[in-house]
Amino acid sequence: MNTAAAAPTEAILRATGRREHPGCFACGDPAAGGLGLKFKIAVPGGVEARWTCPAGGESYPGIMHGGMVATLLDAAMVHALFARGITARTGELRIRYRRPVSSGSPVTIRGWLVRACGPLFMLQAELQQDDSLCAEARAKFMQIPGAGEPVGRAGVVIPLRTP
C-alpha cells in the first residue's frame, strides 16, 4: 500500500505526532517553551493552523523573524505528512518571503503533499495574514528508515539506500 495515497485524517495526524514528535518546538506546549501550533485537516490533502506570534518572535519591531516564518512553514509540511502516517525529515526547504509578517496578529499556516516518489515527498506550504500571502515554501522530505509506519494500518516503509 502506498502510504502517500492514504487519505489524511485527524486521528492519524494526532497519533503520528504523539509517537514521532513528542518534544517538538513548533507544536510543543508554550508553557514549556514551544510555539503551541495545533494543526488540523483543512486544505484538500493537507493541514492548517492559526497562530499569533508573541513579541519574542520578532526580528525588527512588530515584524516576525524570518526564521520563525521558516519554522511555521516547515511544521505545516511535516504535519501534512503526519496526517498520512508518514514520518520524514526535511531534506531541502525553499522559501519565498513575499511581505513582512506582523507579530501580534494571527496568521494561517497551511501545508499539503504535492507528490510522493518512494521515500521522497514533495510538499508545499503557505503563510497568510489578513488574507494576504506573506510567505510560501516548497520542500523535499525523506522518509526515516524504520519510522513512519502508518498508524492503525499495515503499510510499507521503503528503506533509504546507503552509499
Foldseek 3Di string as FASTA:
>chain_A
DPLLPDAFAPVQLVVLCVVPPVPDQACDDVVVNHQNWDWHDDPGLFIKTKHAADCVQPDDVQFGDPVVVQVLQLVRAQSSLSSSLFHWAWDDKDKDFDATDGGPFMKMKMKHWDDDDQQKTKIKMFIDGPNDTGMIMITIIGTAPPHSQGPPDGDDRRDDDDD
